[in-house]
């Protein structure tokens, strides 16, 4: 970005970002993070439910992405119970919820694109 005629950027936790878009994409970019955040919009849910909603993601990748989203403050992990079997719920933090309008715009754009260039198909076994 250019400020007062000089190239500027943002430094966050020793990482350099050249603009606001790169900050956002650095936090939520990639194939899965926005999808996970979108499915958490209805409230707390369990790992197994997220896996069912996102069948193409592996359990390992879902676990890694949830940990990253939790570390960045977007997702809260709550363990219910004191002995096995434990119940773990994932939910959006207030910070995570602040991204929902952005993700909704991305989702709406994707739907319009898909309707103009593709068709709805049945993907259930």
N, C-alpha and C. Protein backbone atom coordinates (compact mmCIF):
# COMPACT_ATOMS: atom_id res chain seq x y z
N UNK A 1 0.85 -1.16 0.00
CA UNK A 1 0.00 0.00 0.00
C UNK A 1 0.90 1.23 0.00
N UNK A 2 0.41 2.29 -0.54
CA UNK A 2 1.16 3.54 -0.61
C UNK A 2 0.54 4.55 0.36
N UNK A 3 1.35 5.06 1.28
CA UNK A 3 0.93 6.08 2.24
C UNK A 3 1.93 7.22 2.16
N UNK A 4 1.43 8.42 1.91
CA UNK A 4 2.29 9.59 1.79
C UNK A 4 3.41 9.36 0.77
N UNK A 5 3.07 8.67 -0.32
CA UNK A 5 4.02 8.44 -1.39
C UNK A 5 5.06 7.38 -1.11
N UNK A 6 4.93 6.67 0.00
CA UNK A 6 5.91 5.63 0.35
C UNK A 6 5.22 4.28 0.47
N UNK A 7 5.95 3.24 0.07
CA UNK A 7 5.45 1.88 0.20
C UNK A 7 5.41 1.53 1.68
N UNK A 8 4.24 1.15 2.16
CA UNK A 8 4.06 0.79 3.57
C UNK A 8 3.44 -0.60 3.66
N UNK A 9 3.45 -1.15 4.83
CA UNK A 9 2.83 -2.44 5.07
C UNK A 9 2.47 -2.55 6.54
N UNK A 10 1.91 -3.70 6.90
CA UNK A 10 1.57 -3.98 8.28
C UNK A 10 2.48 -5.08 8.79
N UNK A 11 2.98 -4.93 10.01
CA UNK A 11 3.73 -5.99 10.65
C UNK A 11 2.89 -6.52 11.79
N UNK A 12 2.58 -7.81 11.73
CA UNK A 12 1.77 -8.47 12.75
C UNK A 12 2.50 -9.75 13.15
N UNK A 13 2.89 -9.85 14.40
CA UNK A 13 3.60 -11.03 14.89
C UNK A 13 4.77 -11.41 13.99
N UNK A 14 5.57 -10.43 13.62
CA UNK A 14 6.78 -10.60 12.79
C UNK A 14 6.49 -10.93 11.33
N UNK A 15 5.24 -11.02 10.93
CA UNK A 15 4.89 -11.23 9.52
C UNK A 15 4.58 -9.88 8.90
N UNK A 16 5.00 -9.70 7.65
CA UNK A 16 4.78 -8.44 6.94
C UNK A 16 3.67 -8.65 5.92
N UNK A 17 2.69 -7.75 5.92
CA UNK A 17 1.57 -7.79 4.98
C UNK A 17 1.56 -6.48 4.21
N UNK A 18 1.40 -6.55 2.90
CA UNK A 18 1.47 -5.36 2.06
C UNK A 18 0.16 -4.61 1.94
N UNK A 19 -0.96 -5.23 2.38
CA UNK A 19 -2.26 -4.54 2.33
C UNK A 19 -3.25 -5.28 3.22
N UNK A 20 -4.41 -4.67 3.41
CA UNK A 20 -5.44 -5.29 4.24
C UNK A 20 -5.93 -6.62 3.70
N UNK A 21 -5.99 -6.75 2.38
CA UNK A 21 -6.42 -8.02 1.78
C UNK A 21 -5.45 -9.14 2.16
N UNK A 22 -4.15 -8.84 2.13
CA UNK A 22 -3.18 -9.88 2.48
C UNK A 22 -3.27 -10.25 3.96
N UNK A 23 -3.63 -9.30 4.81
CA UNK A 23 -3.85 -9.62 6.23
C UNK A 23 -5.00 -10.61 6.36
N UNK A 24 -6.13 -10.27 5.74
CA UNK A 24 -7.32 -11.13 5.82
C UNK A 24 -7.04 -12.51 5.26
N UNK A 25 -6.46 -12.56 4.07
CA UNK A 25 -6.21 -13.86 3.44
C UNK A 25 -5.15 -14.66 4.21
N UNK A 26 -4.23 -13.96 4.86
CA UNK A 26 -3.26 -14.65 5.69
C UNK A 26 -3.91 -15.36 6.87
N UNK A 27 -5.00 -14.79 7.35
CA UNK A 27 -5.70 -15.37 8.50
C UNK A 27 -6.73 -16.42 8.09
N UNK A 28 -7.48 -16.17 7.03
CA UNK A 28 -8.58 -17.08 6.69
C UNK A 28 -8.44 -17.71 5.32
N UNK A 29 -7.31 -17.46 4.65
CA UNK A 29 -7.12 -18.02 3.31
C UNK A 29 -6.95 -19.53 3.36
N UNK A 30 -6.84 -20.11 2.20
CA UNK A 30 -6.73 -21.55 2.10
C UNK A 30 -8.07 -22.16 1.77
N UNK A 31 -8.08 -23.45 1.63
CA UNK A 31 -9.26 -24.15 1.15
C UNK A 31 -10.36 -24.32 2.19
N UNK A 32 -10.01 -24.40 3.47
CA UNK A 32 -10.98 -24.87 4.46
C UNK A 32 -11.45 -23.86 5.50
N UNK A 33 -10.66 -22.87 5.85
CA UNK A 33 -10.99 -22.03 7.00
C UNK A 33 -12.32 -21.31 6.85
N UNK A 34 -12.57 -20.69 5.71
CA UNK A 34 -13.86 -19.99 5.53
C UNK A 34 -15.03 -20.96 5.60
N UNK A 35 -14.84 -22.15 5.05
CA UNK A 35 -15.91 -23.15 5.07
C UNK A 35 -16.23 -23.56 6.51
N UNK A 36 -15.19 -23.80 7.29
CA UNK A 36 -15.38 -24.18 8.70
C UNK A 36 -16.09 -23.05 9.45
N UNK A 37 -15.62 -21.83 9.26
CA UNK A 37 -16.25 -20.69 9.94
C UNK A 37 -17.71 -20.56 9.53
N UNK A 38 -18.00 -20.77 8.25
CA UNK A 38 -19.38 -20.66 7.76
C UNK A 38 -20.28 -21.69 8.43
N UNK A 39 -19.80 -22.91 8.57
CA UNK A 39 -20.62 -23.95 9.20
C UNK A 39 -20.77 -23.76 10.71
N UNK A 40 -19.90 -22.98 11.31
CA UNK A 40 -20.03 -22.70 12.75
C UNK A 40 -20.98 -21.54 13.04
N UNK A 41 -21.51 -20.92 12.00
CA UNK A 41 -22.34 -19.72 12.19
C UNK A 41 -23.63 -19.99 12.95
N UNK A 42 -24.12 -21.22 12.97
CA UNK A 42 -25.38 -21.54 13.63
C UNK A 42 -25.21 -21.86 15.11
N UNK A 43 -23.97 -21.87 15.59
CA UNK A 43 -23.74 -22.15 17.00
C UNK A 43 -22.81 -23.32 17.21
N UNK A 44 -22.59 -23.66 18.47
CA UNK A 44 -21.63 -24.72 18.79
C UNK A 44 -21.96 -26.03 18.09
N UNK A 45 -20.91 -26.69 17.65
CA UNK A 45 -21.08 -27.99 17.01
C UNK A 45 -19.88 -28.87 17.32
N UNK A 46 -20.08 -30.16 17.16
CA UNK A 46 -19.03 -31.13 17.44
C UNK A 46 -18.17 -31.38 16.20
N UNK A 47 -16.99 -31.87 16.45
CA UNK A 47 -16.04 -32.22 15.39
C UNK A 47 -16.69 -33.13 14.36
N UNK A 48 -17.37 -34.17 14.84
CA UNK A 48 -17.98 -35.15 13.93
C UNK A 48 -19.04 -34.51 13.04
N UNK A 49 -19.75 -33.52 13.56
CA UNK A 49 -20.75 -32.83 12.75
C UNK A 49 -20.08 -31.99 11.67
N UNK A 50 -18.99 -31.30 12.02
CA UNK A 50 -18.25 -30.54 11.02
C UNK A 50 -17.72 -31.47 9.93
N UNK A 51 -17.20 -32.62 10.33
CA UNK A 51 -16.67 -33.60 9.36
C UNK A 51 -17.78 -34.06 8.42
N UNK A 52 -18.98 -34.27 8.95
CA UNK A 52 -20.11 -34.69 8.13
C UNK A 52 -20.52 -33.59 7.15
N UNK A 53 -20.47 -32.34 7.62
CA UNK A 53 -20.85 -31.21 6.76
C UNK A 53 -19.83 -30.93 5.67
N UNK A 54 -18.56 -31.29 5.91
CA UNK A 54 -17.48 -31.04 4.97
C UNK A 54 -16.84 -32.39 4.62
N UNK A 55 -17.49 -33.21 3.82
CA UNK A 55 -17.02 -34.57 3.60
C UNK A 55 -15.66 -34.68 2.90
N UNK A 56 -15.24 -33.66 2.16
CA UNK A 56 -13.98 -33.74 1.44
C UNK A 56 -12.76 -33.47 2.32
N UNK A 57 -12.95 -32.97 3.52
CA UNK A 57 -11.82 -32.67 4.40
C UNK A 57 -11.45 -33.92 5.20
N UNK A 58 -10.16 -34.16 5.37
CA UNK A 58 -9.74 -35.29 6.21
C UNK A 58 -9.86 -34.90 7.67
N UNK A 59 -9.93 -35.89 8.54
CA UNK A 59 -10.01 -35.59 9.97
C UNK A 59 -8.77 -34.85 10.43
N UNK A 60 -7.60 -35.23 9.92
CA UNK A 60 -6.36 -34.57 10.30
C UNK A 60 -6.38 -33.09 9.88
N UNK A 61 -6.82 -32.82 8.65
CA UNK A 61 -6.86 -31.44 8.18
C UNK A 61 -7.88 -30.62 8.96
N UNK A 62 -9.05 -31.21 9.25
CA UNK A 62 -10.05 -30.51 10.05
C UNK A 62 -9.49 -30.16 11.42
N UNK A 63 -8.81 -31.09 12.03
CA UNK A 63 -8.20 -30.86 13.33
C UNK A 63 -7.16 -29.74 13.25
N UNK A 64 -6.30 -29.77 12.24
CA UNK A 64 -5.28 -28.73 12.07
C UNK A 64 -5.90 -27.36 11.85
N UNK A 65 -6.93 -27.31 11.02
CA UNK A 65 -7.58 -26.03 10.72
C UNK A 65 -8.31 -25.48 11.94
N UNK A 66 -8.97 -26.34 12.70
CA UNK A 66 -9.63 -25.89 13.92
C UNK A 66 -8.62 -25.35 14.93
N UNK A 67 -7.48 -26.02 15.05
CA UNK A 67 -6.43 -25.54 15.95
C UNK A 67 -5.91 -24.19 15.51
N UNK A 68 -5.71 -24.00 14.21
CA UNK A 68 -5.23 -22.72 13.69
C UNK A 68 -6.27 -21.62 13.91
N UNK A 69 -7.53 -21.93 13.65
CA UNK A 69 -8.59 -20.94 13.87
C UNK A 69 -8.73 -20.59 15.35
N UNK A 70 -8.51 -21.58 16.19
CA UNK A 70 -8.55 -21.33 17.64
C UNK A 70 -7.36 -20.46 18.05
N UNK A 71 -6.18 -20.76 17.54
CA UNK A 71 -4.98 -20.00 17.87
C UNK A 71 -5.10 -18.54 17.42
N UNK A 72 -5.78 -18.31 16.30
CA UNK A 72 -5.97 -16.95 15.79
C UNK A 72 -7.16 -16.23 16.42
N UNK A 73 -7.88 -16.91 17.31
CA UNK A 73 -8.96 -16.27 18.05
C UNK A 73 -10.32 -16.29 17.38
N UNK A 74 -10.48 -17.05 16.29
CA UNK A 74 -11.76 -17.11 15.59
C UNK A 74 -12.71 -18.15 16.18
N UNK A 75 -12.15 -19.21 16.75
CA UNK A 75 -12.94 -20.35 17.21
C UNK A 75 -12.63 -20.63 18.68
N UNK A 76 -13.68 -20.98 19.41
CA UNK A 76 -13.56 -21.39 20.81
C UNK A 76 -13.80 -22.89 20.89
N UNK A 77 -12.95 -23.58 21.63
CA UNK A 77 -13.10 -25.02 21.86
C UNK A 77 -13.48 -25.22 23.31
N UNK A 78 -14.60 -25.92 23.52
CA UNK A 78 -15.08 -26.16 24.88
C UNK A 78 -15.22 -27.65 25.12
N UNK A 79 -14.57 -28.14 26.16
CA UNK A 79 -14.65 -29.54 26.55
C UNK A 79 -15.69 -29.66 27.64
N UNK A 80 -16.70 -30.50 27.39
CA UNK A 80 -17.77 -30.72 28.36
C UNK A 80 -17.59 -32.09 28.99
N UNK A 81 -17.69 -32.16 30.28
CA UNK A 81 -17.50 -33.43 30.99
C UNK A 81 -16.10 -33.51 31.56
N UNK A 82 -15.93 -34.42 32.52
CA UNK A 82 -14.63 -34.54 33.19
C UNK A 82 -13.96 -35.88 32.94
N UNK A 83 -14.69 -36.84 32.41
CA UNK A 83 -14.06 -38.12 32.11
C UNK A 83 -14.62 -38.64 30.81
N UNK A 84 -13.85 -39.50 30.14
CA UNK A 84 -14.31 -40.02 28.84
C UNK A 84 -15.63 -40.75 28.96
N UNK A 85 -16.46 -40.66 27.94
CA UNK A 85 -16.20 -39.92 26.71
C UNK A 85 -16.50 -38.42 26.90
N UNK A 86 -15.54 -37.59 26.56
CA UNK A 86 -15.71 -36.15 26.65
C UNK A 86 -16.48 -35.66 25.42
N UNK A 87 -17.19 -34.58 25.59
CA UNK A 87 -17.88 -33.93 24.47
C UNK A 87 -17.16 -32.61 24.23
N UNK A 88 -16.75 -32.39 22.99
CA UNK A 88 -16.05 -31.17 22.63
C UNK A 88 -16.91 -30.40 21.63
N UNK A 89 -17.16 -29.15 21.94
CA UNK A 89 -17.91 -28.26 21.04
C UNK A 89 -16.99 -27.17 20.52
N UNK A 90 -17.18 -26.84 19.26
CA UNK A 90 -16.48 -25.71 18.64
C UNK A 90 -17.52 -24.64 18.32
N UNK A 91 -17.15 -23.39 18.57
CA UNK A 91 -18.06 -22.29 18.28
C UNK A 91 -17.25 -21.07 17.86
N UNK A 92 -17.93 -20.12 17.26
CA UNK A 92 -17.28 -18.88 16.88
C UNK A 92 -17.12 -17.98 18.08
N UNK A 93 -15.99 -17.31 18.15
CA UNK A 93 -15.82 -16.25 19.12
C UNK A 93 -16.47 -14.99 18.55
N UNK A 94 -16.53 -13.95 19.34
CA UNK A 94 -17.04 -12.67 18.83
C UNK A 94 -16.19 -12.20 17.65
N UNK A 95 -14.89 -12.41 17.74
CA UNK A 95 -13.98 -12.06 16.65
C UNK A 95 -14.30 -12.88 15.40
N UNK A 96 -14.57 -14.18 15.58
CA UNK A 96 -14.95 -15.03 14.46
C UNK A 96 -16.27 -14.60 13.85
N UNK A 97 -17.22 -14.25 14.69
CA UNK A 97 -18.52 -13.78 14.19
C UNK A 97 -18.40 -12.51 13.38
N UNK A 98 -17.39 -11.69 13.67
CA UNK A 98 -17.21 -10.45 12.92
C UNK A 98 -16.85 -10.71 11.46
N UNK A 99 -16.40 -11.91 11.15
CA UNK A 99 -16.08 -12.26 9.76
C UNK A 99 -17.28 -12.76 8.97
N UNK A 100 -18.36 -13.10 9.63
CA UNK A 100 -19.50 -13.70 8.93
C UNK A 100 -20.06 -12.84 7.80
N UNK A 101 -20.18 -11.51 7.95
CA UNK A 101 -20.66 -10.73 6.80
C UNK A 101 -19.73 -10.84 5.58
N UNK A 102 -18.44 -10.88 5.82
CA UNK A 102 -17.47 -11.03 4.72
C UNK A 102 -17.65 -12.39 4.06
N UNK A 103 -17.73 -13.43 4.88
CA UNK A 103 -17.87 -14.79 4.34
C UNK A 103 -19.22 -14.93 3.62
N UNK A 104 -20.26 -14.27 4.11
CA UNK A 104 -21.56 -14.32 3.43
C UNK A 104 -21.45 -13.71 2.04
N UNK A 105 -20.74 -12.61 1.90
CA UNK A 105 -20.55 -12.01 0.56
C UNK A 105 -19.79 -12.97 -0.36
N UNK A 106 -18.76 -13.62 0.17
CA UNK A 106 -18.01 -14.59 -0.62
C UNK A 106 -18.92 -15.75 -1.03
N UNK A 107 -19.72 -16.23 -0.10
CA UNK A 107 -20.64 -17.33 -0.37
C UNK A 107 -21.68 -16.94 -1.41
N UNK A 108 -22.29 -15.78 -1.25
CA UNK A 108 -23.30 -15.31 -2.21
C UNK A 108 -22.70 -15.16 -3.61
N UNK A 109 -21.48 -14.63 -3.69
CA UNK A 109 -20.81 -14.50 -4.99
C UNK A 109 -20.60 -15.88 -5.61
N UNK A 110 -20.15 -16.84 -4.79
CA UNK A 110 -19.93 -18.20 -5.28
C UNK A 110 -21.21 -18.85 -5.78
N UNK A 111 -22.31 -18.61 -5.10
CA UNK A 111 -23.60 -19.16 -5.53
C UNK A 111 -24.00 -18.55 -6.88
N UNK A 112 -23.86 -17.23 -7.01
CA UNK A 112 -24.20 -16.59 -8.29
C UNK A 112 -23.33 -17.13 -9.43
N UNK A 113 -22.05 -17.29 -9.17
CA UNK A 113 -21.13 -17.83 -10.18
C UNK A 113 -21.54 -19.25 -10.55
N UNK A 114 -21.79 -20.08 -9.54
CA UNK A 114 -22.15 -21.48 -9.79
C UNK A 114 -23.46 -21.59 -10.57
N UNK A 115 -24.43 -20.75 -10.25
CA UNK A 115 -25.71 -20.78 -10.97
C UNK A 115 -25.55 -20.33 -12.41
N UNK A 116 -24.63 -19.41 -12.67
CA UNK A 116 -24.41 -18.92 -14.03
C UNK A 116 -23.55 -19.86 -14.87
N UNK A 117 -22.68 -20.63 -14.22
CA UNK A 117 -21.71 -21.44 -14.96
C UNK A 117 -21.83 -22.94 -14.72
N UNK A 118 -22.76 -23.36 -13.90
CA UNK A 118 -22.86 -24.79 -13.58
C UNK A 118 -24.30 -25.19 -13.34
N UNK A 119 -24.47 -26.26 -12.61
CA UNK A 119 -25.80 -26.73 -12.29
C UNK A 119 -25.76 -27.42 -10.94
N UNK A 120 -26.89 -27.56 -10.30
CA UNK A 120 -26.99 -28.27 -9.03
C UNK A 120 -27.08 -29.76 -9.32
N UNK A 121 -26.27 -30.52 -8.60
CA UNK A 121 -26.28 -31.98 -8.75
C UNK A 121 -26.44 -32.62 -7.39
N UNK A 122 -26.85 -33.89 -7.38
CA UNK A 122 -26.97 -34.65 -6.15
C UNK A 122 -25.62 -35.28 -5.84
N UNK A 123 -25.03 -34.98 -4.68
CA UNK A 123 -23.75 -35.55 -4.32
C UNK A 123 -23.84 -36.53 -3.16
N UNK A 124 -25.06 -36.83 -2.72
CA UNK A 124 -25.23 -37.82 -1.66
C UNK A 124 -25.21 -39.20 -2.30
N UNK A 125 -24.39 -40.07 -1.72
CA UNK A 125 -24.17 -41.44 -2.20
C UNK A 125 -25.34 -42.02 -2.82
